[in-house]
């Protein structure tokens, strides 16, 4: 699998991870490791925040969306 971000720029670089949100393959330069808050619960509610965050790999676009465009 190739890095999608690099492929869009005409570069050929192998992916090392897959974004947990969109499934995009990303290389080491574009992979962002972030501790994401996890919620658990049944349908439809109640849900509650899990006591620990879980590390996840995100692409730059999903990271920006998760962080509110910051």
PDB file of N, CA and C in Angstrom:
ATOM      1  N   UNK A   1       0.854  -1.177   0.000  1.00  0.00           N
ATOM      2  CA  UNK A   1       0.000   0.000   0.000  1.00  0.00           C
ATOM      3  C   UNK A   1       0.895   1.233   0.000  1.00  0.00           C
ATOM      4  N   UNK A   2       0.464   2.235  -0.709  1.00  0.00           N
ATOM      5  CA  UNK A   2       1.208   3.495  -0.820  1.00  0.00           C
ATOM      6  C   UNK A   2       0.551   4.586   0.015  1.00  0.00           C
ATOM      7  N   UNK A   3       1.350   5.591   0.370  1.00  0.00           N
ATOM      8  CA  UNK A   3       0.833   6.746   1.118  1.00  0.00           C
ATOM      9  C   UNK A   3      -0.069   7.570   0.191  1.00  0.00           C
ATOM     10  N   UNK A   4      -1.307   7.774   0.585  1.00  0.00           N
ATOM     11  CA  UNK A   4      -2.269   8.509  -0.236  1.00  0.00           C
ATOM     12  C   UNK A   4      -1.871   9.974  -0.383  1.00  0.00           C
ATOM     13  N   UNK A   5      -1.403  10.577   0.678  1.00  0.00           N
ATOM     14  CA  UNK A   5      -1.029  12.003   0.643  1.00  0.00           C
ATOM     15  C   UNK A   5       0.121  12.204  -0.337  1.00  0.00           C
ATOM     16  N   UNK A   6       1.133  11.350  -0.265  1.00  0.00           N
ATOM     17  CA  UNK A   6       2.253  11.450  -1.196  1.00  0.00           C
ATOM     18  C   UNK A   6       1.813  11.154  -2.626  1.00  0.00           C
ATOM     19  N   UNK A   7       0.941  10.160  -2.796  1.00  0.00           N
ATOM     20  CA  UNK A   7       0.468   9.816  -4.137  1.00  0.00           C
ATOM     21  C   UNK A   7      -0.248  11.002  -4.781  1.00  0.00           C
ATOM     22  N   UNK A   8      -1.002  11.766  -3.995  1.00  0.00           N
ATOM     23  CA  UNK A   8      -1.700  12.937  -4.532  1.00  0.00           C
ATOM     24  C   UNK A   8      -0.721  14.024  -4.962  1.00  0.00           C
ATOM     25  N   UNK A   9       0.507  13.974  -4.402  1.00  0.00           N
ATOM     26  CA  UNK A   9       1.542  14.942  -4.771  1.00  0.00           C
ATOM     27  C   UNK A   9       2.491  14.378  -5.826  1.00  0.00           C
ATOM     28  N   UNK A  10       2.138  13.207  -6.374  1.00  0.00           N
ATOM     29  CA  UNK A  10       2.955  12.597  -7.416  1.00  0.00           C
ATOM     30  C   UNK A  10       4.172  11.859  -6.896  1.00  0.00           C
ATOM     31  N   UNK A  11       4.220  11.592  -5.598  1.00  0.00           N
ATOM     32  CA  UNK A  11       5.352  10.883  -5.002  1.00  0.00           C
ATOM     33  C   UNK A  11       4.965   9.425  -4.778  1.00  0.00           C
ATOM     34  N   UNK A  12       5.966   8.577  -4.704  1.00  0.00           N
ATOM     35  CA  UNK A  12       5.748   7.141  -4.503  1.00  0.00           C
ATOM     36  C   UNK A  12       6.421   6.735  -3.193  1.00  0.00           C
ATOM     37  N   UNK A  13       5.637   6.586  -2.141  1.00  0.00           N
ATOM     38  CA  UNK A  13       6.182   6.243  -0.827  1.00  0.00           C
ATOM     39  C   UNK A  13       5.275   5.201  -0.179  1.00  0.00           C
ATOM     40  N   UNK A  14       5.888   4.203   0.423  1.00  0.00           N
ATOM     41  CA  UNK A  14       5.117   3.140   1.070  1.00  0.00           C
ATOM     42  C   UNK A  14       4.401   3.649   2.317  1.00  0.00           C
ATOM     43  N   UNK A  15       3.195   3.121   2.539  1.00  0.00           N
ATOM     44  CA  UNK A  15       2.446   3.442   3.762  1.00  0.00           C
ATOM     45  C   UNK A  15       2.945   2.557   4.896  1.00  0.00           C
ATOM     46  N   UNK A  16       2.922   3.093   6.102  1.00  0.00           N
ATOM     47  CA  UNK A  16       3.320   2.329   7.290  1.00  0.00           C
ATOM     48  C   UNK A  16       2.143   2.154   8.242  1.00  0.00           C
ATOM     49  N   UNK A  17       1.035   2.855   7.965  1.00  0.00           N
ATOM     50  CA  UNK A  17      -0.124   2.780   8.851  1.00  0.00           C
ATOM     51  C   UNK A  17      -1.377   3.136   8.058  1.00  0.00           C
ATOM     52  N   UNK A  18      -2.515   2.836   8.666  1.00  0.00           N
ATOM     53  CA  UNK A  18      -3.809   3.168   8.078  1.00  0.00           C
ATOM     54  C   UNK A  18      -4.564   4.045   9.059  1.00  0.00           C
ATOM     55  N   UNK A  19      -5.116   5.152   8.568  1.00  0.00           N
ATOM     56  CA  UNK A  19      -5.883   6.063   9.423  1.00  0.00           C
ATOM     57  C   UNK A  19      -7.103   5.318   9.993  1.00  0.00           C
ATOM     58  N   UNK A  20      -7.285   5.391  11.286  1.00  0.00           N
ATOM     59  CA  UNK A  20      -8.366   4.674  11.955  1.00  0.00           C
ATOM     60  C   UNK A  20      -9.735   5.242  11.581  1.00  0.00           C
ATOM     61  N   UNK A  21      -9.804   6.469  11.093  1.00  0.00           N
ATOM     62  CA  UNK A  21     -11.084   7.100  10.758  1.00  0.00           C
ATOM     63  C   UNK A  21     -11.461   6.845   9.297  1.00  0.00           C
ATOM     64  N   UNK A  22     -10.600   7.200   8.353  1.00  0.00           N
ATOM     65  CA  UNK A  22     -10.970   7.127   6.939  1.00  0.00           C
ATOM     66  C   UNK A  22     -10.376   5.932   6.199  1.00  0.00           C
ATOM     67  N   UNK A  23      -9.383   5.272   6.781  1.00  0.00           N
ATOM     68  CA  UNK A  23      -8.790   4.110   6.147  1.00  0.00           C
ATOM     69  C   UNK A  23      -7.692   4.429   5.150  1.00  0.00           C
ATOM     70  N   UNK A  24      -7.271   5.679   5.078  1.00  0.00           N
ATOM     71  CA  UNK A  24      -6.221   6.096   4.162  1.00  0.00           C
ATOM     72  C   UNK A  24      -4.874   5.533   4.613  1.00  0.00           C
ATOM     73  N   UNK A  25      -4.086   5.006   3.667  1.00  0.00           N
ATOM     74  CA  UNK A  25      -2.735   4.580   3.968  1.00  0.00           C
ATOM     75  C   UNK A  25      -1.834   5.805   4.079  1.00  0.00           C
ATOM     76  N   UNK A  26      -1.006   5.862   5.108  1.00  0.00           N
ATOM     77  CA  UNK A  26      -0.124   7.012   5.302  1.00  0.00           C
ATOM     78  C   UNK A  26       1.292   6.535   5.614  1.00  0.00           C
ATOM     79  N   UNK A  27       2.269   7.315   5.153  1.00  0.00           N
ATOM     80  CA  UNK A  27       3.671   7.015   5.418  1.00  0.00           C
ATOM     81  C   UNK A  27       4.041   7.555   6.796  1.00  0.00           C
ATOM     82  N   UNK A  28       5.268   7.308   7.200  1.00  0.00           N
ATOM     83  CA  UNK A  28       5.718   7.755   8.518  1.00  0.00           C
ATOM     84  C   UNK A  28       5.684   9.280   8.651  1.00  0.00           C
ATOM     85  N   UNK A  29       5.883   9.992   7.545  1.00  0.00           N
ATOM     86  CA  UNK A  29       5.856  11.461   7.591  1.00  0.00           C
ATOM     87  C   UNK A  29       4.436  12.007   7.794  1.00  0.00           C
ATOM     88  N   UNK A  30       3.422  11.272   7.357  1.00  0.00           N
ATOM     89  CA  UNK A  30       2.043  11.762   7.439  1.00  0.00           C
ATOM     90  C   UNK A  30       1.209  11.078   8.518  1.00  0.00           C
ATOM     91  N   UNK A  31       1.722  10.032   9.136  1.00  0.00           N
ATOM     92  CA  UNK A  31       0.990   9.346  10.210  1.00  0.00           C
ATOM     93  C   UNK A  31       1.083  10.172  11.490  1.00  0.00           C
ATOM     94  N   UNK A  32      -0.049  10.381  12.124  1.00  0.00           N
ATOM     95  CA  UNK A  32      -0.101  11.144  13.372  1.00  0.00           C
ATOM     96  C   UNK A  32      -0.645  10.230  14.456  1.00  0.00           C
ATOM     97  N   UNK A  33       0.152   9.990  15.477  1.00  0.00           N
ATOM     98  CA  UNK A  33      -0.283   9.152  16.598  1.00  0.00           C
ATOM     99  C   UNK A  33      -0.937  10.059  17.630  1.00  0.00           C
ATOM    100  N   UNK A  34      -2.175   9.761  17.947  1.00  0.00           N
ATOM    101  CA  UNK A  34      -2.936  10.613  18.855  1.00  0.00           C
ATOM    102  C   UNK A  34      -3.697   9.740  19.850  1.00  0.00           C
ATOM    103  N   UNK A  35      -3.718  10.129  21.092  1.00  0.00           N
ATOM    104  CA  UNK A  35      -4.545   9.443  22.079  1.00  0.00           C
ATOM    105  C   UNK A  35      -5.969   9.938  21.922  1.00  0.00           C
ATOM    106  N   UNK A  36      -6.881   9.040  21.571  1.00  0.00           N
ATOM    107  CA  UNK A  36      -8.273   9.386  21.288  1.00  0.00           C
ATOM    108  C   UNK A  36      -9.152   8.941  22.450  1.00  0.00           C
ATOM    109  N   UNK A  37     -10.042   9.816  22.865  1.00  0.00           N
ATOM    110  CA  UNK A  37     -10.997   9.480  23.903  1.00  0.00           C
ATOM    111  C   UNK A  37     -11.999   8.467  23.356  1.00  0.00           C
ATOM    112  N   UNK A  38     -12.237   7.436  24.114  1.00  0.00           N
ATOM    113  CA  UNK A  38     -13.143   6.371  23.691  1.00  0.00           C
ATOM    114  C   UNK A  38     -14.385   6.389  24.573  1.00  0.00           C
ATOM    115  N   UNK A  39     -15.557   6.233  23.943  1.00  0.00           N
ATOM    116  CA  UNK A  39     -16.835   6.170  24.654  1.00  0.00           C
ATOM    117  C   UNK A  39     -17.399   4.771  24.482  1.00  0.00           C
ATOM    118  N   UNK A  40     -18.049   4.276  25.503  1.00  0.00           N
ATOM    119  CA  UNK A  40     -18.688   2.976  25.407  1.00  0.00           C
ATOM    120  C   UNK A  40     -20.111   3.084  25.916  1.00  0.00           C
ATOM    121  N   UNK A  41     -20.937   2.177  25.483  1.00  0.00           N
ATOM    122  CA  UNK A  41     -22.317   2.189  25.941  1.00  0.00           C
ATOM    123  C   UNK A  41     -23.211   1.438  24.997  1.00  0.00           C
ATOM    124  N   UNK A  42     -24.407   1.206  25.428  1.00  0.00           N
ATOM    125  CA  UNK A  42     -25.350   0.467  24.624  1.00  0.00           C
ATOM    126  C   UNK A  42     -26.197   1.392  23.784  1.00  0.00           C
ATOM    127  N   UNK A  43     -27.047   0.780  22.978  1.00  0.00           N
ATOM    128  CA  UNK A  43     -27.928   1.561  22.131  1.00  0.00           C
ATOM    129  C   UNK A  43     -29.169   1.948  22.896  1.00  0.00           C
ATOM    130  N   UNK A  44     -29.767   3.094  22.747  1.00  0.00           N
ATOM    131  CA  UNK A  44     -29.145   4.276  22.177  1.00  0.00           C
ATOM    132  C   UNK A  44     -28.242   4.982  23.183  1.00  0.00           C
ATOM    133  N   UNK A  45     -28.510   4.908  24.438  1.00  0.00           N
ATOM    134  CA  UNK A  45     -27.682   5.501  25.480  1.00  0.00           C
ATOM    135  C   UNK A  45     -27.944   4.760  26.761  1.00  0.00           C
ATOM    136  N   UNK A  46     -27.338   4.868  27.823  1.00  0.00           N
ATOM    137  CA  UNK A  46     -26.281   5.829  28.119  1.00  0.00           C
ATOM    138  C   UNK A  46     -24.929   5.367  27.575  1.00  0.00           C
ATOM    139  N   UNK A  47     -24.083   6.302  27.365  1.00  0.00           N
ATOM    140  CA  UNK A  47     -22.704   5.991  27.030  1.00  0.00           C
ATOM    141  C   UNK A  47     -21.824   6.720  28.031  1.00  0.00           C
ATOM    142  N   UNK A  48     -20.663   6.189  28.231  1.00  0.00           N
ATOM    143  CA  UNK A  48     -19.747   6.815  29.184  1.00  0.00           C
ATOM    144  C   UNK A  48     -18.329   6.748  28.642  1.00  0.00           C
ATOM    145  N   UNK A  49     -17.540   7.691  29.095  1.00  0.00           N
ATOM    146  CA  UNK A  49     -16.168   7.806  28.662  1.00  0.00           C
ATOM    147  C   UNK A  49     -15.345   6.700  29.319  1.00  0.00           C
ATOM    148  N   UNK A  50     -14.563   6.001  28.525  1.00  0.00           N
ATOM    149  CA  UNK A  50     -13.668   4.979  29.062  1.00  0.00           C
ATOM    150  C   UNK A  50     -12.573   5.686  29.845  1.00  0.00           C
ATOM    151  N   UNK A  51     -12.112   5.086  30.926  1.00  0.00           N
ATOM    152  CA  UNK A  51     -11.180   5.769  31.828  1.00  0.00           C
ATOM    153  C   UNK A  51      -9.834   6.093  31.197  1.00  0.00           C
ATOM    154  N   UNK A  52      -9.412   5.347  30.185  1.00  0.00           N
ATOM    155  CA  UNK A  52      -8.117   5.622  29.566  1.00  0.00           C
ATOM    156  C   UNK A  52      -8.298   5.931  28.086  1.00  0.00           C
ATOM    157  N   UNK A  53      -7.427   6.800  27.580  1.00  0.00           N
ATOM    158  CA  UNK A  53      -7.396   7.069  26.148  1.00  0.00           C
ATOM    159  C   UNK A  53      -6.632   5.952  25.463  1.00  0.00           C
ATOM    160  N   UNK A  54      -6.919   5.725  24.198  1.00  0.00           N
ATOM    161  CA  UNK A  54      -6.263   4.676  23.432  1.00  0.00           C
ATOM    162  C   UNK A  54      -5.496   5.330  22.290  1.00  0.00           C
ATOM    163  N   UNK A  55      -4.213   4.988  22.112  1.00  0.00           N
ATOM    164  CA  UNK A  55      -3.451   5.579  21.001  1.00  0.00           C
ATOM    165  C   UNK A  55      -3.959   5.068  19.664  1.00  0.00           C
ATOM    166  N   UNK A  56      -4.106   5.976  18.714  1.00  0.00           N
ATOM    167  CA  UNK A  56      -4.599   5.650  17.371  1.00  0.00           C
ATOM    168  C   UNK A  56      -3.756   6.388  16.349  1.00  0.00           C
ATOM    169  N   UNK A  57      -3.752   5.875  15.113  1.00  0.00           N
ATOM    170  CA  UNK A  57      -3.058   6.535  14.010  1.00  0.00           C
ATOM    171  C   UNK A  57      -4.095   7.256  13.155  1.00  0.00           C
ATOM    172  N   UNK A  58      -3.818   8.531  12.873  1.00  0.00           N
ATOM    173  CA  UNK A  58      -4.711   9.351  12.059  1.00  0.00           C
ATOM    174  C   UNK A  58      -3.942   9.940  10.884  1.00  0.00           C
ATOM    175  N   UNK A  59      -4.659  10.248   9.791  1.00  0.00           N
ATOM    176  CA  UNK A  59      -4.052  10.970   8.672  1.00  0.00           C
ATOM    177  C   UNK A  59      -4.147  12.463   9.005  1.00  0.00           C
ATOM    178  N   UNK A  60      -3.436  13.320   8.291  1.00  0.00           N
ATOM    179  CA  UNK A  60      -3.491  14.757   8.586  1.00  0.00           C
ATOM    180  C   UNK A  60      -4.905  15.357   8.482  1.00  0.00           C
ATOM    181  N   UNK A  61      -5.713  14.918   7.516  1.00  0.00           N
ATOM    182  CA  UNK A  61      -7.061  15.476   7.347  1.00  0.00           C
ATOM    183  C   UNK A  61      -7.967  15.104   8.517  1.00  0.00           C
ATOM    184  N   UNK A  62      -7.934  13.850   8.943  1.00  0.00           N
ATOM    185  CA  UNK A  62      -8.783  13.418  10.061  1.00  0.00           C
ATOM    186  C   UNK A  62      -8.289  14.012  11.379  1.00  0.00           C
ATOM    187  N   UNK A  63      -6.990  14.177  11.512  1.00  0.00           N
ATOM    188  CA  UNK A  63      -6.450  14.812  12.713  1.00  0.00           C
ATOM    189  C   UNK A  63      -6.956  16.254  12.804  1.00  0.00           C
ATOM    190  N   UNK A  64      -6.928  16.976  11.682  1.00  0.00           N
ATOM    191  CA  UNK A  64      -7.403  18.361  11.667  1.00  0.00           C
ATOM    192  C   UNK A  64      -8.892  18.423  12.001  1.00  0.00           C
ATOM    193  N   UNK A  65      -9.679  17.486  11.472  1.00  0.00           N
ATOM    194  CA  UNK A  65     -11.112  17.467  11.756  1.00  0.00           C
ATOM    195  C   UNK A  65     -11.365  17.143  13.225  1.00  0.00           C
ATOM    196  N   UNK A  66     -10.604  16.209  13.767  1.00  0.00           N
ATOM    197  CA  UNK A  66     -10.759  15.815  15.168  1.00  0.00           C
ATOM    198  C   UNK A  66     -10.403  16.960  16.103  1.00  0.00           C
ATOM    199  N   UNK A  67      -9.416  17.725  15.726  1.00  0.00           N
ATOM    200  CA  UNK A  67      -8.952  18.829  16.574  1.00  0.00           C
ATOM    201  C   UNK A  67      -9.650  20.143  16.242  1.00  0.00           C
ATOM    202  N   UNK A  68     -10.676  20.105  15.423  1.00  0.00           N
ATOM    203  CA  UNK A  68     -11.429  21.315  15.111  1.00  0.00           C
ATOM    204  C   UNK A  68     -10.689  22.249  14.182  1.00  0.00           C
ATOM    205  N   UNK A  69      -9.885  21.697  13.283  1.00  0.00           N
ATOM    206  CA  UNK A  69      -9.203  22.517  12.298  1.00  0.00           C
ATOM    207  C   UNK A  69      -7.975  23.232  12.810  1.00  0.00           C
ATOM    208  N   UNK A  70      -7.550  22.890  14.010  1.00  0.00           N
ATOM    209  CA  UNK A  70      -6.340  23.540  14.560  1.00  0.00           C
ATOM    210  C   UNK A  70      -5.091  22.901  14.023  1.00  0.00           C
TER     211      UNK A  70
END
